[in-house]
Every structure is written in C-alpha cells, then in structure tokens.
Amino acid sequence: MKRFVSIVLISCLGLLTAQSQSTKVLLKTTLGDMTIVLYDDTPLHKDNFETLVKDKFFDGLIFHRVMENFMIQSGNPNTRNHKKGEAYRDGSQGSTIPAEFRANHIHKKGALAAARRGQGNPNKESSGSQFYIVHGTKMNDALLSQMQAGRSKPLTKEEIKIYKELGGYPPLDYEYTIFGEVTEGLDVIDKIAAVKTVSKRVTTPIDDVIIISARIIK
C-alpha cells in the first residue's frame, strides 16, 4: 500500500512539474534560431505573446531596430513583407499592456522585454506587439558604478555578477517589462546586433533580418 501511495505521489508531482514549466517559443530568423522561455510571473505579457505566436503574427516581420551593445527590436506589423530600402510606419498590434515589473528580472543579455512609448505614458504600459531582446555588453566596475546612479533599487551582488559575466544593459531595469529570456541561441543575438544599419540615427538593417516563424514548442 505504501509503495502504491508513493508511486501516485511521484506521478502527481511529475504532472505538477510538467504543468508548471514555462512556455517555450522557437523563433526562427534568417540569421539563426533562438529558443525563448516566457516567464510565468508576468502573465499579461506571457499570454499576449503566446496569442500572437499562435496567430502567426510575427511570421514575416523584420528586426526593424538594431543597436549593437544595446538591443534588437521587432514586432511592428507594418514591416511585414518589407521591401528593402522602403520606409515603413511605426505601429503595434492590439492594446497596450499594463507594466509587470519584477525584482527578479533584469536586463541581462538575452532578456526579452516589451517596447513602449516613452512620452505620454506615465504608467510605462507596454506595446501590444513590439518587443526587444537585450544584446548589451559586459560591464566593469566603472560602468556599473556610473549606471547605478539614479536607480531606485541598487544592484545586488548576484545582479552585478550577471552584468559582469554575461552582460546586459542595467539602465533599462524597472523602465520596461521583462517577460522572458533567450535560453538557446545567444550567438544569434550577436549576429543580428552586428549587421550594418542605414546609419547611426536610422538603425534599420540595410539587409532585412526576417522572422521566418515563431512557434510554441512546449
């Protein structure tokens, strides 16, 4: 009887573990694939991103804003089927999303975050579809000290270690909602971030970097 109870408990625990695992998304681009995990503690952003993926919304969009040592950005519906050299309007799909800032999420390399309007947005609500992935750079003590200035919450020892060893961009913490991270394909971020753009001011790649598909794989 005890053995039977143990087996049942193990089975239930296994089921709970499987159910509690975060959603994974495979993002295929013309420069390689990235696996993204969506966080459970940012449910509004997670559910919105999952819906867009299921609707195949991201398929055919480009990374329209690329800044090396900073981030790569996509999710503008007006860039679908973009023709090289043509201008496009800024845009987003759906309504804005309330901010979901979490103390355990920082702008380390590979962090997935929601873009947003800067002015006229006091609550820092997120775009309905535009997102960015942090490229950033590895920080030294001098840079971290400089970037600590003005922060409402000082960096912890663990966060400092991450920014030094993995890299990222700490000034964005608590300014934009982070709702996932790239767990495989960090080198693809490097490739996209390194492409040539129209100019320093116009950060659209000269040659389009296209999202071939985005699919839930769990």
N, C-alpha and C. Protein backbone atom coordinates (compact mmCIF):
# COMPACT_ATOMS: atom_id res chain seq x y z
N MET A 1 0.83 -1.21 0.00
CA MET A 1 0.00 0.00 0.00
C MET A 1 0.87 1.26 0.00
N LYS A 2 1.91 1.25 0.87
CA LYS A 2 2.82 2.40 0.92
C LYS A 2 3.48 2.64 -0.42
N ARG A 3 3.87 1.52 -1.07
CA ARG A 3 4.53 1.65 -2.37
C ARG A 3 3.58 2.27 -3.38
N PHE A 4 2.30 1.85 -3.34
CA PHE A 4 1.30 2.38 -4.27
C PHE A 4 1.12 3.88 -4.06
N VAL A 5 1.03 4.31 -2.78
CA VAL A 5 0.88 5.72 -2.46
C VAL A 5 2.08 6.51 -2.96
N SER A 6 3.26 5.94 -2.79
CA SER A 6 4.48 6.63 -3.25
C SER A 6 4.49 6.82 -4.74
N ILE A 7 4.05 5.79 -5.46
CA ILE A 7 4.01 5.87 -6.92
C ILE A 7 3.03 6.95 -7.35
N VAL A 8 1.86 6.99 -6.68
CA VAL A 8 0.85 8.01 -7.01
C VAL A 8 1.39 9.40 -6.75
N LEU A 9 2.06 9.58 -5.61
CA LEU A 9 2.62 10.88 -5.27
C LEU A 9 3.67 11.32 -6.28
N ILE A 10 4.53 10.39 -6.66
CA ILE A 10 5.57 10.69 -7.66
C ILE A 10 4.93 11.10 -8.97
N SER A 11 3.87 10.35 -9.37
CA SER A 11 3.20 10.66 -10.63
C SER A 11 2.57 12.05 -10.57
N CYS A 12 1.93 12.37 -9.43
CA CYS A 12 1.30 13.68 -9.29
C CYS A 12 2.33 14.79 -9.31
N LEU A 13 3.43 14.56 -8.61
CA LEU A 13 4.49 15.56 -8.59
C LEU A 13 5.06 15.79 -9.98
N GLY A 14 5.19 14.69 -10.73
CA GLY A 14 5.69 14.81 -12.10
C GLY A 14 4.75 15.62 -12.96
N LEU A 15 3.44 15.40 -12.76
CA LEU A 15 2.43 16.13 -13.53
C LEU A 15 2.47 17.61 -13.18
N LEU A 16 2.57 17.92 -11.88
CA LEU A 16 2.63 19.31 -11.44
C LEU A 16 3.85 20.01 -11.99
N THR A 17 4.98 19.28 -11.99
CA THR A 17 6.22 19.86 -12.52
C THR A 17 6.07 20.18 -14.00
N ALA A 18 5.48 19.24 -14.74
CA ALA A 18 5.30 19.45 -16.18
C ALA A 18 4.39 20.64 -16.45
N GLN A 19 3.32 20.76 -15.63
CA GLN A 19 2.39 21.84 -15.85
C GLN A 19 2.98 23.20 -15.50
N SER A 20 3.94 23.20 -14.54
CA SER A 20 4.48 24.46 -14.07
C SER A 20 5.66 24.95 -14.93
N GLN A 21 6.09 24.13 -15.86
CA GLN A 21 7.18 24.55 -16.73
C GLN A 21 6.73 25.70 -17.61
N SER A 22 7.63 26.67 -17.80
CA SER A 22 7.29 27.85 -18.59
C SER A 22 7.18 27.51 -20.07
N THR A 23 6.41 28.31 -20.78
CA THR A 23 6.23 28.13 -22.22
C THR A 23 7.52 28.45 -22.96
N LYS A 24 7.83 27.63 -23.96
CA LYS A 24 8.99 27.86 -24.81
C LYS A 24 8.53 28.22 -26.22
N VAL A 25 9.24 29.17 -26.81
CA VAL A 25 8.94 29.60 -28.18
C VAL A 25 10.21 29.47 -29.01
N LEU A 26 10.08 28.85 -30.18
CA LEU A 26 11.19 28.77 -31.11
C LEU A 26 11.03 29.89 -32.13
N LEU A 27 11.98 30.82 -32.11
CA LEU A 27 11.97 31.96 -33.03
C LEU A 27 13.01 31.70 -34.12
N LYS A 28 12.52 31.42 -35.33
CA LYS A 28 13.41 31.14 -36.46
C LYS A 28 13.61 32.43 -37.26
N THR A 29 14.87 32.81 -37.47
CA THR A 29 15.17 34.02 -38.24
C THR A 29 16.12 33.68 -39.37
N THR A 30 16.30 34.63 -40.25
CA THR A 30 17.20 34.42 -41.39
C THR A 30 18.67 34.36 -40.96
N LEU A 31 18.95 34.66 -39.70
CA LEU A 31 20.32 34.57 -39.20
C LEU A 31 20.47 33.50 -38.12
N GLY A 32 19.45 32.65 -37.97
CA GLY A 32 19.54 31.57 -36.99
C GLY A 32 18.33 31.49 -36.08
N ASP A 33 18.32 30.47 -35.23
CA ASP A 33 17.17 30.21 -34.36
C ASP A 33 17.49 30.55 -32.91
N MET A 34 16.44 31.01 -32.21
CA MET A 34 16.55 31.28 -30.78
C MET A 34 15.40 30.57 -30.06
N THR A 35 15.70 29.97 -28.92
CA THR A 35 14.66 29.41 -28.06
C THR A 35 14.42 30.40 -26.93
N ILE A 36 13.15 30.77 -26.74
CA ILE A 36 12.77 31.77 -25.75
C ILE A 36 11.86 31.12 -24.71
N VAL A 37 12.13 31.37 -23.44
CA VAL A 37 11.26 30.94 -22.36
C VAL A 37 10.47 32.16 -21.87
N LEU A 38 9.14 32.01 -21.78
CA LEU A 38 8.28 33.08 -21.29
C LEU A 38 8.04 32.89 -19.79
N TYR A 39 8.16 33.96 -19.02
CA TYR A 39 8.03 33.87 -17.57
C TYR A 39 6.57 33.75 -17.13
N ASP A 40 6.35 32.91 -16.12
CA ASP A 40 5.01 32.73 -15.58
C ASP A 40 4.57 33.90 -14.69
N ASP A 41 5.55 34.64 -14.13
CA ASP A 41 5.18 35.71 -13.19
C ASP A 41 4.90 37.05 -13.88
N THR A 42 4.84 37.03 -15.21
CA THR A 42 4.38 38.20 -15.97
C THR A 42 3.25 37.72 -16.89
N PRO A 43 2.13 37.31 -16.30
CA PRO A 43 1.08 36.61 -17.05
C PRO A 43 0.44 37.42 -18.17
N LEU A 44 0.28 38.72 -17.98
CA LEU A 44 -0.36 39.53 -19.02
C LEU A 44 0.49 39.55 -20.29
N HIS A 45 1.79 39.73 -20.11
CA HIS A 45 2.70 39.76 -21.26
C HIS A 45 2.88 38.36 -21.86
N LYS A 46 2.96 37.37 -20.99
CA LYS A 46 3.11 35.99 -21.47
C LYS A 46 1.91 35.59 -22.33
N ASP A 47 0.71 35.82 -21.81
CA ASP A 47 -0.50 35.43 -22.54
C ASP A 47 -0.60 36.18 -23.87
N ASN A 48 -0.26 37.46 -23.86
CA ASN A 48 -0.33 38.26 -25.08
C ASN A 48 0.66 37.73 -26.13
N PHE A 49 1.88 37.43 -25.70
CA PHE A 49 2.90 36.95 -26.64
C PHE A 49 2.50 35.58 -27.19
N GLU A 50 1.98 34.72 -26.31
CA GLU A 50 1.54 33.39 -26.75
C GLU A 50 0.44 33.52 -27.81
N THR A 51 -0.50 34.42 -27.58
CA THR A 51 -1.59 34.62 -28.54
C THR A 51 -1.05 35.07 -29.89
N LEU A 52 -0.12 36.00 -29.87
CA LEU A 52 0.47 36.49 -31.12
C LEU A 52 1.21 35.38 -31.85
N VAL A 53 1.91 34.54 -31.09
CA VAL A 53 2.64 33.42 -31.70
C VAL A 53 1.65 32.43 -32.32
N LYS A 54 0.59 32.10 -31.58
CA LYS A 54 -0.40 31.15 -32.10
C LYS A 54 -1.10 31.68 -33.35
N ASP A 55 -1.25 33.01 -33.42
CA ASP A 55 -1.85 33.63 -34.59
C ASP A 55 -0.85 33.83 -35.74
N LYS A 56 0.40 33.39 -35.52
CA LYS A 56 1.48 33.53 -36.50
C LYS A 56 1.72 35.01 -36.87
N PHE A 57 1.46 35.87 -35.90
CA PHE A 57 1.59 37.30 -36.12
C PHE A 57 3.01 37.71 -36.48
N PHE A 58 4.01 37.10 -35.84
CA PHE A 58 5.40 37.54 -36.04
C PHE A 58 6.01 37.04 -37.36
N ASP A 59 5.40 36.04 -37.98
CA ASP A 59 5.95 35.48 -39.22
C ASP A 59 6.05 36.55 -40.30
N GLY A 60 7.25 36.75 -40.82
CA GLY A 60 7.45 37.71 -41.90
C GLY A 60 7.84 39.10 -41.45
N LEU A 61 7.79 39.37 -40.14
CA LEU A 61 8.23 40.69 -39.67
C LEU A 61 9.76 40.75 -39.64
N ILE A 62 10.28 41.96 -39.62
CA ILE A 62 11.74 42.13 -39.58
C ILE A 62 12.16 42.70 -38.23
N PHE A 63 13.44 42.55 -37.94
CA PHE A 63 14.03 43.29 -36.82
C PHE A 63 14.30 44.69 -37.36
N HIS A 64 13.39 45.60 -37.02
CA HIS A 64 13.43 46.92 -37.66
C HIS A 64 14.34 47.91 -36.94
N ARG A 65 14.77 47.57 -35.75
CA ARG A 65 15.65 48.45 -34.99
C ARG A 65 16.75 47.60 -34.37
N VAL A 66 17.98 47.85 -34.77
CA VAL A 66 19.12 47.04 -34.31
C VAL A 66 20.23 47.97 -33.83
N MET A 67 20.63 47.78 -32.57
CA MET A 67 21.68 48.62 -31.99
C MET A 67 22.66 47.73 -31.24
N GLU A 68 23.85 47.58 -31.80
CA GLU A 68 24.86 46.72 -31.19
C GLU A 68 25.20 47.21 -29.79
N ASN A 69 25.42 46.27 -28.89
CA ASN A 69 25.70 46.53 -27.47
C ASN A 69 24.50 47.11 -26.73
N PHE A 70 23.33 47.06 -27.38
CA PHE A 70 22.11 47.57 -26.75
C PHE A 70 20.99 46.54 -26.89
N MET A 71 20.34 46.49 -28.06
CA MET A 71 19.23 45.55 -28.23
C MET A 71 18.84 45.40 -29.69
N ILE A 72 18.00 44.39 -29.96
CA ILE A 72 17.42 44.17 -31.29
C ILE A 72 15.90 44.14 -31.10
N GLN A 73 15.16 44.80 -32.00
CA GLN A 73 13.72 45.02 -31.79
C GLN A 73 12.90 44.59 -33.00
N SER A 74 11.73 44.02 -32.71
CA SER A 74 10.80 43.59 -33.76
C SER A 74 9.37 43.74 -33.25
N GLY A 75 8.41 43.25 -34.05
CA GLY A 75 7.02 43.26 -33.64
C GLY A 75 6.18 44.36 -34.25
N ASN A 76 6.75 45.14 -35.19
CA ASN A 76 5.98 46.18 -35.87
C ASN A 76 5.26 45.56 -37.06
N PRO A 77 3.91 45.51 -37.04
CA PRO A 77 3.17 44.85 -38.13
C PRO A 77 3.36 45.51 -39.48
N ASN A 78 3.78 46.78 -39.49
CA ASN A 78 3.96 47.48 -40.76
C ASN A 78 5.25 47.09 -41.49
N THR A 79 6.03 46.19 -40.87
CA THR A 79 7.26 45.74 -41.54
C THR A 79 7.08 44.39 -42.23
N ARG A 80 5.87 43.84 -42.16
CA ARG A 80 5.63 42.56 -42.83
C ARG A 80 5.77 42.74 -44.33
N ASN A 81 6.48 41.80 -44.96
CA ASN A 81 6.75 41.85 -46.41
C ASN A 81 7.46 43.15 -46.79
N HIS A 82 8.32 43.61 -45.90
CA HIS A 82 9.06 44.85 -46.14
C HIS A 82 9.96 44.72 -47.37
N LYS A 83 9.95 45.73 -48.20
CA LYS A 83 10.82 45.76 -49.38
C LYS A 83 12.06 46.58 -49.05
N LYS A 84 13.19 46.00 -49.33
CA LYS A 84 14.47 46.63 -48.98
C LYS A 84 14.51 48.08 -49.45
N GLY A 85 14.90 48.96 -48.53
CA GLY A 85 15.06 50.36 -48.87
C GLY A 85 13.80 51.20 -48.70
N GLU A 86 12.66 50.54 -48.50
CA GLU A 86 11.41 51.29 -48.35
C GLU A 86 11.16 51.68 -46.90
N ALA A 87 10.57 52.84 -46.71
CA ALA A 87 10.21 53.29 -45.36
C ALA A 87 8.95 52.57 -44.90
N TYR A 88 8.71 52.57 -43.60
CA TYR A 88 7.51 51.96 -43.05
C TYR A 88 7.05 52.81 -41.86
N ARG A 89 5.79 52.70 -41.52
CA ARG A 89 5.24 53.43 -40.38
C ARG A 89 5.47 52.64 -39.10
N ASP A 90 5.64 53.36 -38.01
CA ASP A 90 5.72 52.69 -36.72
C ASP A 90 4.33 52.18 -36.38
N GLY A 91 4.25 51.05 -35.72
CA GLY A 91 2.94 50.51 -35.40
C GLY A 91 3.00 49.37 -34.42
N SER A 92 1.84 48.98 -33.92
CA SER A 92 1.73 47.89 -32.96
C SER A 92 0.40 47.20 -33.15
N GLN A 93 0.30 45.98 -32.66
CA GLN A 93 -0.93 45.20 -32.76
C GLN A 93 -1.62 45.18 -31.39
N GLY A 94 -2.91 45.43 -31.36
CA GLY A 94 -3.67 45.32 -30.13
C GLY A 94 -3.49 46.49 -29.19
N SER A 95 -3.99 46.31 -27.97
CA SER A 95 -3.96 47.36 -26.95
C SER A 95 -2.66 47.31 -26.16
N THR A 96 -2.40 48.39 -25.44
CA THR A 96 -1.22 48.40 -24.57
C THR A 96 -1.45 47.45 -23.39
N ILE A 97 -0.36 47.06 -22.74
CA ILE A 97 -0.41 46.11 -21.64
C ILE A 97 0.14 46.78 -20.39
N PRO A 98 -0.54 46.66 -19.25
CA PRO A 98 -0.02 47.24 -18.01
C PRO A 98 1.36 46.69 -17.68
N ALA A 99 2.21 47.55 -17.13
CA ALA A 99 3.57 47.13 -16.77
C ALA A 99 3.53 46.01 -15.73
N GLU A 100 4.47 45.08 -15.85
CA GLU A 100 4.63 43.99 -14.88
C GLU A 100 6.10 43.92 -14.47
N PHE A 101 6.55 44.91 -13.74
CA PHE A 101 7.95 44.92 -13.30
C PHE A 101 8.13 43.89 -12.17
N ARG A 102 9.21 43.15 -12.24
CA ARG A 102 9.52 42.14 -11.22
C ARG A 102 10.98 42.31 -10.78
N ALA A 103 11.19 42.24 -9.48
CA ALA A 103 12.53 42.44 -8.93
C ALA A 103 13.51 41.37 -9.37
N ASN A 104 13.02 40.20 -9.74
CA ASN A 104 13.90 39.09 -10.12
C ASN A 104 14.23 39.07 -11.61
N HIS A 105 13.77 40.07 -12.38
CA HIS A 105 14.08 40.12 -13.81
C HIS A 105 14.91 41.36 -14.11
N ILE A 106 16.06 41.15 -14.72
CA ILE A 106 16.92 42.28 -15.08
C ILE A 106 17.26 42.22 -16.57
N HIS A 107 17.80 43.32 -17.07
CA HIS A 107 18.12 43.41 -18.50
C HIS A 107 19.48 42.80 -18.83
N LYS A 108 19.60 41.53 -18.49
CA LYS A 108 20.81 40.79 -18.85
C LYS A 108 20.76 40.45 -20.34
N LYS A 109 21.89 40.04 -20.89
CA LYS A 109 21.91 39.63 -22.30
C LYS A 109 20.91 38.51 -22.52
N GLY A 110 20.07 38.64 -23.55
CA GLY A 110 19.08 37.63 -23.86
C GLY A 110 17.72 37.89 -23.26
N ALA A 111 17.60 38.90 -22.40
CA ALA A 111 16.30 39.21 -21.81
C ALA A 111 15.32 39.65 -22.89
N LEU A 112 14.08 39.15 -22.80
CA LEU A 112 13.01 39.52 -23.72
C LEU A 112 12.13 40.54 -23.01
N ALA A 113 11.94 41.70 -23.61
CA ALA A 113 11.16 42.76 -22.96
C ALA A 113 10.23 43.42 -23.97
N ALA A 114 9.22 44.08 -23.43
CA ALA A 114 8.24 44.77 -24.26
C ALA A 114 8.67 46.21 -24.52
N ALA A 115 8.57 46.62 -25.77
CA ALA A 115 8.83 48.02 -26.11
C ALA A 115 7.63 48.85 -25.64
N ARG A 116 7.79 50.16 -25.62
CA ARG A 116 6.69 51.03 -25.23
C ARG A 116 6.95 52.46 -25.70
N ARG A 117 5.90 53.27 -25.66
CA ARG A 117 6.06 54.69 -25.92
C ARG A 117 6.71 55.34 -24.71
N GLY A 118 7.61 56.29 -24.98
CA GLY A 118 8.28 56.96 -23.88
C GLY A 118 7.46 58.12 -23.34
N GLN A 119 7.10 59.06 -24.20
CA GLN A 119 6.36 60.24 -23.77
C GLN A 119 4.86 59.95 -23.70
N GLY A 120 4.21 60.63 -22.76
CA GLY A 120 2.77 60.45 -22.62
C GLY A 120 2.37 59.07 -22.17
N ASN A 121 3.25 58.43 -21.41
CA ASN A 121 3.00 57.07 -20.94
C ASN A 121 3.49 56.94 -19.50
N PRO A 122 2.87 57.67 -18.57
CA PRO A 122 3.37 57.71 -17.19
C PRO A 122 3.37 56.37 -16.48
N ASN A 123 2.49 55.46 -16.87
CA ASN A 123 2.41 54.15 -16.22
C ASN A 123 3.30 53.11 -16.89
N LYS A 124 4.04 53.54 -17.92
CA LYS A 124 5.00 52.67 -18.62
C LYS A 124 4.33 51.40 -19.16
N GLU A 125 3.15 51.61 -19.76
CA GLU A 125 2.44 50.48 -20.36
C GLU A 125 3.16 50.01 -21.62
N SER A 126 3.11 48.72 -21.86
CA SER A 126 3.87 48.11 -22.95
C SER A 126 3.11 48.13 -24.27
N SER A 127 3.86 48.06 -25.35
CA SER A 127 3.30 47.90 -26.68
C SER A 127 2.55 46.57 -26.76
N GLY A 128 1.52 46.54 -27.58
CA GLY A 128 0.77 45.30 -27.75
C GLY A 128 1.50 44.23 -28.51
N SER A 129 2.57 44.58 -29.24
CA SER A 129 3.26 43.55 -30.03
C SER A 129 4.77 43.78 -30.18
N GLN A 130 5.23 45.02 -30.06
CA GLN A 130 6.66 45.25 -30.27
C GLN A 130 7.46 44.78 -29.04
N PHE A 131 8.54 44.09 -29.33
CA PHE A 131 9.40 43.56 -28.27
C PHE A 131 10.86 43.77 -28.65
N TYR A 132 11.72 43.65 -27.66
CA TYR A 132 13.16 43.69 -27.94
C TYR A 132 13.88 42.62 -27.14
N ILE A 133 15.03 42.24 -27.63
CA ILE A 133 15.90 41.28 -26.96
C ILE A 133 17.22 41.99 -26.66
N VAL A 134 17.65 41.93 -25.41
CA VAL A 134 18.84 42.65 -25.00
C VAL A 134 20.11 42.02 -25.58
N HIS A 135 20.96 42.86 -26.17
CA HIS A 135 22.29 42.45 -26.56
C HIS A 135 23.26 42.89 -25.47
N GLY A 136 23.35 44.19 -25.26
CA GLY A 136 24.14 44.73 -24.16
C GLY A 136 25.62 44.48 -24.30
N THR A 137 26.31 44.67 -23.20
CA THR A 137 27.76 44.46 -23.17
C THR A 137 28.16 44.07 -21.76
N LYS A 138 29.31 43.42 -21.61
CA LYS A 138 29.79 43.06 -20.28
C LYS A 138 30.24 44.32 -19.55
N MET A 139 29.83 44.43 -18.30
CA MET A 139 30.09 45.63 -17.51
C MET A 139 31.34 45.48 -16.65
N ASN A 140 32.04 46.59 -16.46
CA ASN A 140 33.12 46.62 -15.48
C ASN A 140 32.66 47.46 -14.29
N ASP A 141 33.49 47.56 -13.27
CA ASP A 141 33.09 48.29 -12.06
C ASP A 141 32.77 49.75 -12.35
N ALA A 142 33.56 50.37 -13.22
CA ALA A 142 33.35 51.78 -13.53
C ALA A 142 31.99 52.01 -14.20
N LEU A 143 31.67 51.15 -15.19
CA LEU A 143 30.38 51.27 -15.88
C LEU A 143 29.21 51.02 -14.94
N LEU A 144 29.36 50.00 -14.10
CA LEU A 144 28.29 49.67 -13.17
C LEU A 144 28.07 50.78 -12.16
N SER A 145 29.15 51.38 -11.71
CA SER A 145 29.04 52.49 -10.77
C SER A 145 28.31 53.67 -11.41
N GLN A 146 28.65 53.93 -12.67
CA GLN A 146 28.02 55.02 -13.41
C GLN A 146 26.53 54.74 -13.62
N MET A 147 26.20 53.49 -13.93
CA MET A 147 24.82 53.13 -14.22
C MET A 147 23.97 52.94 -12.96
N GLN A 148 24.64 52.85 -11.80
CA GLN A 148 23.89 52.75 -10.55
C GLN A 148 23.25 54.08 -10.19
N ALA A 149 23.84 55.16 -10.69
CA ALA A 149 23.34 56.50 -10.36
C ALA A 149 21.89 56.65 -10.83
N GLY A 150 21.05 57.10 -9.92
CA GLY A 150 19.66 57.35 -10.28
C GLY A 150 18.75 56.14 -10.20
N ARG A 151 19.30 54.96 -9.91
CA ARG A 151 18.46 53.76 -9.78
C ARG A 151 17.65 53.82 -8.50
N SER A 152 16.40 53.43 -8.58
CA SER A 152 15.56 53.39 -7.39
C SER A 152 15.93 52.21 -6.49
N LYS A 153 16.54 51.18 -7.10
CA LYS A 153 16.93 49.99 -6.35
C LYS A 153 18.36 49.61 -6.73
N PRO A 154 19.28 49.62 -5.78
CA PRO A 154 20.67 49.27 -6.09
C PRO A 154 20.79 47.84 -6.59
N LEU A 155 21.78 47.60 -7.43
CA LEU A 155 22.03 46.25 -7.93
C LEU A 155 22.51 45.36 -6.79
N THR A 156 22.05 44.12 -6.80
CA THR A 156 22.51 43.15 -5.81
C THR A 156 23.85 42.57 -6.26
N LYS A 157 24.50 41.84 -5.37
CA LYS A 157 25.77 41.19 -5.72
C LYS A 157 25.59 40.21 -6.87
N GLU A 158 24.47 39.48 -6.85
CA GLU A 158 24.20 38.50 -7.91
C GLU A 158 23.96 39.20 -9.25
N GLU A 159 23.23 40.30 -9.22
CA GLU A 159 22.96 41.05 -10.45
C GLU A 159 24.26 41.64 -11.02
N ILE A 160 25.09 42.16 -10.15
CA ILE A 160 26.39 42.68 -10.58
C ILE A 160 27.21 41.59 -11.25
N LYS A 161 27.20 40.41 -10.67
CA LYS A 161 27.93 39.27 -11.24
C LYS A 161 27.42 38.93 -12.63
N ILE A 162 26.08 38.92 -12.79
CA ILE A 162 25.49 38.61 -14.10
C ILE A 162 25.89 39.67 -15.13
N TYR A 163 25.78 40.94 -14.76
CA TYR A 163 26.12 42.01 -15.70
C TYR A 163 27.61 42.01 -16.06
N LYS A 164 28.45 41.53 -15.15
CA LYS A 164 29.88 41.46 -15.44
C LYS A 164 30.22 40.26 -16.32
N GLU A 165 29.61 39.12 -16.03
CA GLU A 165 29.99 37.88 -16.71
C GLU A 165 29.21 37.63 -18.00
N LEU A 166 27.92 37.94 -17.99
CA LEU A 166 27.09 37.71 -19.18
C LEU A 166 26.88 38.98 -19.97
N GLY A 167 26.72 40.09 -19.28
CA GLY A 167 26.48 41.36 -19.95
C GLY A 167 25.01 41.73 -19.95
N GLY A 168 24.73 42.93 -20.42
CA GLY A 168 23.36 43.41 -20.48
C GLY A 168 23.32 44.93 -20.53
N TYR A 169 22.20 45.49 -20.08
CA TYR A 169 22.05 46.94 -20.10
C TYR A 169 21.20 47.37 -18.90
N PRO A 170 21.81 47.56 -17.72
CA PRO A 170 21.07 47.83 -16.49
C PRO A 170 20.22 49.09 -16.44
N PRO A 171 20.51 50.18 -17.20
CA PRO A 171 19.65 51.36 -17.09
C PRO A 171 18.18 51.11 -17.46
N LEU A 172 17.89 50.01 -18.17
CA LEU A 172 16.51 49.73 -18.57
C LEU A 172 15.70 49.03 -17.49
N ASP A 173 16.37 48.56 -16.42
CA ASP A 173 15.65 47.87 -15.35
C ASP A 173 14.58 48.78 -14.75
N TYR A 174 13.38 48.22 -14.55
CA TYR A 174 12.23 48.92 -13.99
C TYR A 174 11.71 50.04 -14.90
N GLU A 175 12.15 50.05 -16.12
CA GLU A 175 11.64 51.00 -17.11
C GLU A 175 10.79 50.29 -18.16
N TYR A 176 11.13 49.05 -18.45
CA TYR A 176 10.42 48.24 -19.44
C TYR A 176 10.19 46.85 -18.85
N THR A 177 9.04 46.26 -19.17
CA THR A 177 8.70 44.95 -18.62
C THR A 177 9.47 43.83 -19.31
N ILE A 178 10.19 43.06 -18.51
CA ILE A 178 10.88 41.86 -18.99
C ILE A 178 9.94 40.68 -18.77
N PHE A 179 9.71 39.88 -19.81
CA PHE A 179 8.75 38.78 -19.64
C PHE A 179 9.27 37.45 -20.18
N GLY A 180 10.56 37.36 -20.43
CA GLY A 180 11.14 36.11 -20.88
C GLY A 180 12.62 36.26 -21.14
N GLU A 181 13.24 35.19 -21.64
CA GLU A 181 14.67 35.26 -21.97
C GLU A 181 15.04 34.21 -23.01
N VAL A 182 16.08 34.51 -23.75
CA VAL A 182 16.63 33.55 -24.71
C VAL A 182 17.49 32.56 -23.95
N THR A 183 17.16 31.27 -24.07
CA THR A 183 17.92 30.23 -23.38
C THR A 183 18.86 29.49 -24.33
N GLU A 184 18.55 29.53 -25.61
CA GLU A 184 19.43 28.93 -26.64
C GLU A 184 19.48 29.89 -27.82
N GLY A 185 20.70 30.11 -28.33
CA GLY A 185 20.85 30.98 -29.48
C GLY A 185 21.31 32.38 -29.14
N LEU A 186 22.04 32.53 -28.04
CA LEU A 186 22.58 33.85 -27.70
C LEU A 186 23.51 34.36 -28.80
N ASP A 187 24.16 33.43 -29.50
CA ASP A 187 25.06 33.82 -30.59
C ASP A 187 24.28 34.44 -31.76
N VAL A 188 23.00 34.07 -31.89
CA VAL A 188 22.17 34.65 -32.95
C VAL A 188 21.90 36.13 -32.65
N ILE A 189 21.74 36.46 -31.37
CA ILE A 189 21.60 37.87 -30.99
C ILE A 189 22.83 38.64 -31.43
N ASP A 190 24.02 38.05 -31.21
CA ASP A 190 25.27 38.69 -31.63
C ASP A 190 25.27 38.96 -33.13
N LYS A 191 24.83 37.96 -33.91
CA LYS A 191 24.82 38.09 -35.37
C LYS A 191 23.88 39.21 -35.82
N ILE A 192 22.69 39.24 -35.23
CA ILE A 192 21.72 40.26 -35.63
C ILE A 192 22.20 41.64 -35.22
N ALA A 193 22.73 41.75 -34.01
CA ALA A 193 23.19 43.04 -33.50
C ALA A 193 24.35 43.61 -34.30
N ALA A 194 25.09 42.74 -34.97
CA ALA A 194 26.29 43.17 -35.70
C ALA A 194 26.02 43.59 -37.15
N VAL A 195 24.79 43.42 -37.63
CA VAL A 195 24.53 43.75 -39.04
C VAL A 195 24.65 45.26 -39.27
N LYS A 196 24.94 45.62 -40.49
CA LYS A 196 25.06 47.04 -40.84
C LYS A 196 23.68 47.67 -40.95
N THR A 197 23.55 48.86 -40.39
CA THR A 197 22.29 49.59 -40.44
C THR A 197 22.42 50.79 -41.38
N VAL A 198 21.29 51.39 -41.70
CA VAL A 198 21.28 52.51 -42.64
C VAL A 198 22.22 53.62 -42.18
N SER A 199 22.18 53.94 -40.91
CA SER A 199 23.08 54.92 -40.31
C SER A 199 23.00 54.79 -38.80
N LYS A 200 23.77 55.60 -38.08
CA LYS A 200 23.69 55.56 -36.62
C LYS A 200 22.34 56.05 -36.12
N ARG A 201 21.74 56.98 -36.86
CA ARG A 201 20.44 57.51 -36.48
C ARG A 201 19.30 56.61 -36.96
N VAL A 202 19.45 56.09 -38.17
CA VAL A 202 18.43 55.18 -38.73
C VAL A 202 18.94 53.76 -38.53
N THR A 203 18.43 53.11 -37.50
CA THR A 203 19.01 51.83 -37.07
C THR A 203 18.32 50.61 -37.69
N THR A 204 17.69 50.81 -38.83
CA THR A 204 17.13 49.68 -39.58
C THR A 204 18.24 49.01 -40.37
N PRO A 205 18.36 47.67 -40.28
CA PRO A 205 19.39 46.97 -41.06
C PRO A 205 19.27 47.24 -42.55
N ILE A 206 20.41 47.37 -43.23
CA ILE A 206 20.42 47.56 -44.68
C ILE A 206 19.82 46.32 -45.35
N ASP A 207 20.21 45.15 -44.90
CA ASP A 207 19.62 43.90 -45.39
C ASP A 207 18.69 43.36 -44.32
N ASP A 208 17.43 43.17 -44.67
CA ASP A 208 16.43 42.75 -43.69
C ASP A 208 16.81 41.47 -42.96
N VAL A 209 16.64 41.50 -41.65
CA VAL A 209 16.72 40.29 -40.83
C VAL A 209 15.27 39.91 -40.52
N ILE A 210 14.82 38.80 -41.07
CA ILE A 210 13.40 38.43 -41.06
C ILE A 210 13.11 37.33 -40.05
N ILE A 211 11.98 37.47 -39.36
CA ILE A 211 11.47 36.36 -38.54
C ILE A 211 10.74 35.41 -39.48
N ILE A 212 11.31 34.25 -39.69
CA ILE A 212 10.69 33.25 -40.57
C ILE A 212 9.42 32.69 -39.91
N SER A 213 9.56 32.35 -38.64
CA SER A 213 8.39 31.83 -37.90
C SER A 213 8.65 31.91 -36.41
N ALA A 214 7.57 31.94 -35.66
CA ALA A 214 7.62 31.85 -34.20
C ALA A 214 6.58 30.80 -33.79
N ARG A 215 7.03 29.75 -33.09
CA ARG A 215 6.13 28.65 -32.75
C ARG A 215 6.34 28.20 -31.30
N ILE A 216 5.25 27.87 -30.62
CA ILE A 216 5.35 27.32 -29.27
C ILE A 216 5.82 25.87 -29.39
N ILE A 217 6.84 25.50 -28.64
CA ILE A 217 7.41 24.17 -28.74
C ILE A 217 7.19 23.35 -27.47
N LYS A 218 6.43 23.87 -26.53
CA LYS A 218 6.08 23.14 -25.31
C LYS A 218 4.61 23.35 -25.02
